[in-house]
């Protein structure tokens, strides 16, 4: 009796990414990197973890995404866009968006914090009357602002309806995961202030409406509230009324729909926490812009 298997080998089915799959890849490219949780929150919802996991795994297994190595088992996997996918989708050739390994763990965590802020901002716009006009990450800001001696972590611009019509507001995002010396902090704020008040921002971004958002994260055993007071206090001494400071964890944990309307920010010269915008389209105006 023959034991030969005469069955024809099963042909592997070619992977055909869906339009949503391609949106996931584009989001990872725009953000620089992302976790499964980031993509789930943006495209699947909180209740669809397994579906998100399946699609991300398919994109990884079929060469669209690459997983950053060297993560601990209890740390979330981080994904970047592969060179092949970047070419195929005409995304560009920015190596910094594709190769995140080789950088320090601290730098990687810093980049992940910025990616989380991007997710929060996108969700906030979806759940409110705000529109995210543009988001520019560090790699794209570099050729625009470094000649002026500054390099924010990100820039984004929001559009909203007000009683006076549609208005736009720009934001520089600075995530501080380590406590800087007063000199380093003063130098950074001074450079940002010079860039704005000297006309650099208006020249490069064709707008006067800017706020600088600083998100602080205390080191183990440190106090986030103390860091907020320290940065806001220094901003007050320097006359930086376009500065708004809060804890990174506060930014992460605030419900997305309330992110820009809840008084969670410390602003130099103000006695209590303030919101960036007021409900109904009004804006918190305490500074230079008419945003």
Protein backbone atom coordinates (compact mmCIF):
# COMPACT_ATOMS: atom_id res chain seq x y z
CA UNK A 1 0.00 0.00 0.00
CA UNK A 2 1.46 3.28 -1.10
CA UNK A 3 1.85 5.99 1.48
CA UNK A 4 2.77 8.57 -1.11
CA UNK A 5 0.81 11.76 -0.73
CA UNK A 6 -0.65 12.62 -4.11
CA UNK A 7 -2.33 15.79 -2.90
CA UNK A 8 -1.21 18.91 -4.71
CA UNK A 9 0.68 21.38 -2.56
CA UNK A 10 -1.54 24.21 -1.45
CA UNK A 11 -0.68 27.47 -3.15
CA UNK A 12 -0.08 30.24 -0.68
CA UNK A 13 -2.52 33.06 -1.09
CA UNK A 14 -0.88 36.34 -2.02
CA UNK A 15 -1.35 39.03 0.58
CA UNK A 16 -3.36 41.94 -0.73
CA UNK A 17 -3.42 44.83 1.73
CA UNK A 18 -6.73 46.57 2.20
CA UNK A 19 -7.07 50.33 1.97
CA UNK A 20 -7.13 50.44 5.75
CA UNK A 21 -3.93 48.39 5.85
CA UNK A 22 -2.28 51.02 3.67
CA UNK A 23 -3.63 53.74 5.94
CA UNK A 24 -1.93 51.97 8.84
CA UNK A 25 1.38 51.98 6.98
CA UNK A 26 1.01 55.67 6.09
CA UNK A 27 0.24 56.51 9.71
CA UNK A 28 3.36 54.71 10.91
CA UNK A 29 5.34 56.68 8.33
CA UNK A 30 3.83 60.02 9.32
CA UNK A 31 4.34 59.31 13.03
CA UNK A 32 7.84 57.89 12.54
CA UNK A 33 6.92 54.80 14.54
CA UNK A 34 3.89 53.29 16.23
CA UNK A 35 2.73 50.47 18.46
CA UNK A 36 -0.22 48.18 17.88
CA UNK A 37 -2.11 50.14 20.55
CA UNK A 38 -1.58 53.43 18.70
CA UNK A 39 -2.96 51.97 15.47
CA UNK A 40 -5.81 50.27 17.29
CA UNK A 41 -6.94 53.53 18.90
CA UNK A 42 -6.86 55.36 15.59
CA UNK A 43 -8.35 52.76 13.23
CA UNK A 44 -10.08 49.96 15.15
CA UNK A 45 -11.35 51.24 18.49
CA UNK A 46 -10.74 50.01 22.00
CA UNK A 47 -12.86 46.87 21.57
CA UNK A 48 -11.01 45.48 18.54
CA UNK A 49 -7.62 44.51 19.90
CA UNK A 50 -7.47 41.13 18.16
CA UNK A 51 -8.42 42.60 14.78
CA UNK A 52 -5.76 45.28 15.10
CA UNK A 53 -3.19 42.69 16.15
CA UNK A 54 -4.02 40.49 13.15
CA UNK A 55 -3.65 43.28 10.59
CA UNK A 56 -0.42 44.61 12.10
CA UNK A 57 1.03 41.07 12.14
CA UNK A 58 0.08 40.57 8.48
CA UNK A 59 1.74 43.84 7.54
CA UNK A 60 4.86 42.82 9.42
CA UNK A 61 4.97 39.26 8.05
CA UNK A 62 4.53 40.54 4.49
CA UNK A 63 7.27 43.13 4.68
CA UNK A 64 5.30 46.35 5.00
CA UNK A 65 6.29 47.00 8.60
CA UNK A 66 9.44 46.13 10.51
CA UNK A 67 9.63 45.53 14.24
CA UNK A 68 12.29 47.40 16.18
CA UNK A 69 14.46 44.77 17.90
CA UNK A 70 15.84 44.84 21.41
CA UNK A 71 12.60 45.47 23.28
CA UNK A 72 11.97 43.72 26.60
CA UNK A 73 9.14 41.14 26.69
CA UNK A 74 7.01 43.46 28.85
CA UNK A 75 7.47 46.41 26.49
CA UNK A 76 5.11 47.01 23.56
CA UNK A 77 6.47 46.18 20.12
CA UNK A 78 7.40 49.22 18.05
CA UNK A 79 6.92 49.23 14.28
CA UNK A 80 8.47 51.31 11.51
CA UNK A 81 7.83 51.29 7.77
CA UNK A 82 10.10 49.05 5.69
CA UNK A 83 12.15 50.46 2.83
CA UNK A 84 10.19 48.27 0.43
CA UNK A 85 6.86 49.67 1.56
CA UNK A 86 8.18 53.24 1.50
CA UNK A 87 9.23 52.78 -2.13
CA UNK A 88 6.06 50.97 -3.14
CA UNK A 89 3.79 53.63 -1.63
CA UNK A 90 6.01 56.55 -2.71
CA UNK A 91 6.38 57.71 0.87
CA UNK A 92 9.92 59.00 0.51
CA UNK A 93 13.41 57.95 1.50
CA UNK A 94 13.87 59.32 5.01
CA UNK A 95 16.10 56.79 6.76
CA UNK A 96 15.27 58.20 10.19
CA UNK A 97 11.68 57.04 9.74
CA UNK A 98 12.70 53.49 8.87
CA UNK A 99 15.59 52.58 11.16
CA UNK A 100 14.93 53.29 14.80
CA UNK A 101 17.22 50.64 16.22
CA UNK A 102 20.71 51.64 17.21
CA UNK A 103 19.43 54.63 19.17
CA UNK A 104 19.42 54.67 22.95
CA UNK A 105 16.49 53.33 24.93
CA UNK A 106 15.88 56.83 26.31
CA UNK A 107 15.73 58.29 22.80
CA UNK A 108 13.34 55.57 21.69
CA UNK A 109 11.04 56.23 24.66
CA UNK A 110 11.16 59.94 23.87
CA UNK A 111 10.08 59.27 20.29
CA UNK A 112 7.30 57.00 21.52
CA UNK A 113 6.02 59.76 23.82
CA UNK A 114 5.79 62.10 20.84
CA UNK A 115 3.94 59.42 18.86
CA UNK A 116 1.45 59.06 21.73
CA UNK A 117 0.91 62.82 21.73
CA UNK A 118 0.16 62.63 18.02
CA UNK A 119 -2.45 59.93 18.61
CA UNK A 120 -4.07 61.99 21.38
CA UNK A 121 -4.17 65.06 19.14
CA UNK A 122 -5.74 63.20 16.22
CA UNK A 123 -8.38 61.63 18.47
CA UNK A 124 -9.10 64.98 20.10
CA UNK A 125 -9.83 66.51 16.71
CA UNK A 126 -12.11 63.61 15.78
CA UNK A 127 -14.07 63.95 19.00
CA UNK A 128 -14.41 67.74 18.96
CA UNK A 129 -14.96 70.54 16.48
CA UNK A 130 -11.25 70.88 15.72
CA UNK A 131 -9.51 69.96 12.47
CA UNK A 132 -5.88 68.88 12.34
CA UNK A 133 -4.54 70.81 9.35
CA UNK A 134 -1.00 69.51 9.54
CA UNK A 135 1.48 67.70 11.72
CA UNK A 136 5.21 68.07 11.09
CA UNK A 137 7.61 65.77 12.91
CA UNK A 138 11.18 66.47 13.92
CA UNK A 139 12.78 65.05 10.77
CA UNK A 140 10.72 67.37 8.54
CA UNK A 141 11.21 70.35 10.87
CA UNK A 142 14.98 69.97 10.80
CA UNK A 143 15.62 71.70 7.43
CA UNK A 144 13.06 74.37 8.30
CA UNK A 145 14.11 75.52 11.76
CA UNK A 146 17.63 74.35 12.64
CA UNK A 147 19.22 77.33 10.88
CA UNK A 148 17.45 79.41 13.54
CA UNK A 149 18.93 77.30 16.33
CA UNK A 150 15.76 75.44 17.33
CA UNK A 151 14.35 71.96 16.69
CA UNK A 152 10.99 71.30 18.38
CA UNK A 153 9.79 67.72 18.73
CA UNK A 154 6.82 68.49 16.49
CA UNK A 155 4.66 71.24 15.05
CA UNK A 156 0.94 70.94 14.46
CA UNK A 157 -1.77 73.31 13.35
CA UNK A 158 -5.45 73.21 14.28
CA UNK A 159 -8.39 74.85 12.56
CA UNK A 160 -11.62 75.72 14.33
CA UNK A 161 -14.81 77.66 13.88
CA UNK A 162 -15.16 80.83 15.98
CA UNK A 163 -17.78 83.61 16.05
CA UNK A 164 -15.34 85.60 13.88
CA UNK A 165 -14.96 82.79 11.35
CA UNK A 166 -12.50 79.95 10.77
CA UNK A 167 -9.17 80.45 12.52
CA UNK A 168 -5.95 78.50 12.71
CA UNK A 169 -3.62 78.00 15.67
CA UNK A 170 -0.10 76.60 15.54
CA UNK A 171 1.68 74.66 18.28
CA UNK A 172 5.27 73.67 18.90
CA UNK A 173 5.43 70.49 20.98
CA UNK A 174 8.31 69.91 23.38
CA UNK A 175 8.44 66.69 25.43
CA UNK A 176 10.86 66.83 28.36
CA UNK A 177 11.42 63.33 29.75
CA UNK A 178 14.49 64.33 31.76
CA UNK A 179 15.00 67.31 34.01
CA UNK A 180 17.23 69.86 32.31
CA UNK A 181 19.49 72.27 34.13
CA UNK A 182 18.15 75.79 34.47
CA UNK A 183 20.76 77.02 32.02
CA UNK A 184 19.79 74.46 29.36
CA UNK A 185 16.10 75.16 29.87
CA UNK A 186 16.63 78.91 29.73
CA UNK A 187 18.65 78.58 26.53
CA UNK A 188 15.93 76.48 24.89
CA UNK A 189 13.13 78.86 25.85
CA UNK A 190 15.22 81.85 24.83
CA UNK A 191 15.87 80.36 21.39
CA UNK A 192 12.17 79.62 20.91
CA UNK A 193 11.23 83.13 22.03
CA UNK A 194 13.78 84.72 19.71
CA UNK A 195 12.51 82.61 16.83
CA UNK A 196 8.94 83.75 17.41
CA UNK A 197 9.36 87.37 18.45
CA UNK A 198 12.11 87.92 15.87
CA UNK A 199 9.78 86.96 13.03
CA UNK A 200 11.26 83.56 12.24
CA UNK A 201 8.05 81.67 12.90
CA UNK A 202 5.94 83.99 10.74
CA UNK A 203 8.51 83.73 7.94
CA UNK A 204 8.72 79.94 7.97
CA UNK A 205 5.10 79.06 8.74
CA UNK A 206 3.24 82.07 7.27
CA UNK A 207 1.33 82.57 10.51
CA UNK A 208 1.57 84.52 13.75
CA UNK A 209 -0.59 82.15 15.80
CA UNK A 210 1.72 80.04 17.96
CA UNK A 211 1.70 78.40 21.35
CA UNK A 212 4.58 76.39 22.75
CA UNK A 213 3.39 73.28 24.59
CA UNK A 214 5.89 71.80 27.03
CA UNK A 215 5.08 68.37 28.47
CA UNK A 216 7.24 67.40 31.44
CA UNK A 217 7.84 63.92 32.82
CA UNK A 218 9.49 63.53 36.23
CA UNK A 219 12.24 61.03 36.78
CA UNK A 220 11.49 58.17 39.23
CA UNK A 221 10.69 59.67 42.62
CA UNK A 222 10.39 63.18 41.18
CA UNK A 223 7.43 65.54 41.23
CA UNK A 224 5.65 66.44 38.02
CA UNK A 225 3.91 69.38 39.67
CA UNK A 226 7.24 70.81 40.74
CA UNK A 227 8.58 70.51 37.19
CA UNK A 228 5.51 72.28 35.81
CA UNK A 229 5.96 75.14 38.30
CA UNK A 230 9.66 75.34 37.50
CA UNK A 231 9.21 75.62 33.73
CA UNK A 232 6.23 77.97 33.97
CA UNK A 233 8.06 80.10 36.53
CA UNK A 234 11.07 80.42 34.27
CA UNK A 235 8.77 81.32 31.40
CA UNK A 236 7.24 84.08 33.54
CA UNK A 237 10.67 85.54 34.32
CA UNK A 238 11.48 85.51 30.60
CA UNK A 239 8.14 87.00 29.54
CA UNK A 240 7.17 83.88 27.58
CA UNK A 241 3.39 84.23 27.62
CA UNK A 242 3.06 81.91 24.61
CA UNK A 243 4.27 79.04 26.83
CA UNK A 244 1.88 76.39 28.17
CA UNK A 245 3.13 73.63 30.48
CA UNK A 246 1.58 70.42 31.79
CA UNK A 247 2.65 66.91 32.75
CA UNK A 248 3.08 64.37 29.97
CA UNK A 249 0.89 61.94 31.89
CA UNK A 250 -1.84 64.56 32.18
CA UNK A 251 -1.77 65.02 28.41
CA UNK A 252 -1.99 61.25 27.93
CA UNK A 253 -4.79 60.66 30.43
CA UNK A 254 -7.09 63.59 29.64
CA UNK A 255 -10.10 62.40 27.61
CA UNK A 256 -9.40 63.19 23.97
CA UNK A 257 -12.55 65.28 23.55
CA UNK A 258 -11.43 67.56 26.43
CA UNK A 259 -7.74 67.82 25.59
CA UNK A 260 -7.80 71.38 24.24
CA UNK A 261 -10.78 72.58 26.30
CA UNK A 262 -9.90 71.43 29.80
CA UNK A 263 -7.84 73.71 32.09
CA UNK A 264 -4.78 71.48 32.49
CA UNK A 265 -2.12 73.99 31.44
CA UNK A 266 0.07 76.36 33.44
CA UNK A 267 0.74 79.61 31.61
CA UNK A 268 3.23 82.24 32.79
CA UNK A 269 1.41 85.12 34.45
CA UNK A 270 -1.79 83.19 35.19
CA UNK A 271 -2.68 82.23 38.76
CA UNK A 272 -4.51 78.99 37.95
CA UNK A 273 -4.66 76.33 35.24
CA UNK A 274 -5.96 77.42 31.86
CA UNK A 275 -7.42 75.75 28.78
CA UNK A 276 -6.03 76.28 25.31
CA UNK A 277 -9.49 76.88 23.84
CA UNK A 278 -12.85 77.64 25.39
CA UNK A 279 -15.98 75.74 24.49
CA UNK A 280 -18.05 77.36 21.78
CA UNK A 281 -15.08 78.32 19.65
CA UNK A 282 -13.58 81.06 21.81
CA UNK A 283 -9.88 80.91 22.45
CA UNK A 284 -7.92 81.60 25.59
CA UNK A 285 -6.29 84.89 24.60
CA UNK A 286 -3.60 86.06 26.96
CA UNK A 287 -0.75 86.58 24.59
CA UNK A 288 0.44 87.81 21.25
CA UNK A 289 -1.64 85.85 18.82
CA UNK A 290 -5.11 86.52 17.63
CA UNK A 291 -5.63 82.80 17.17
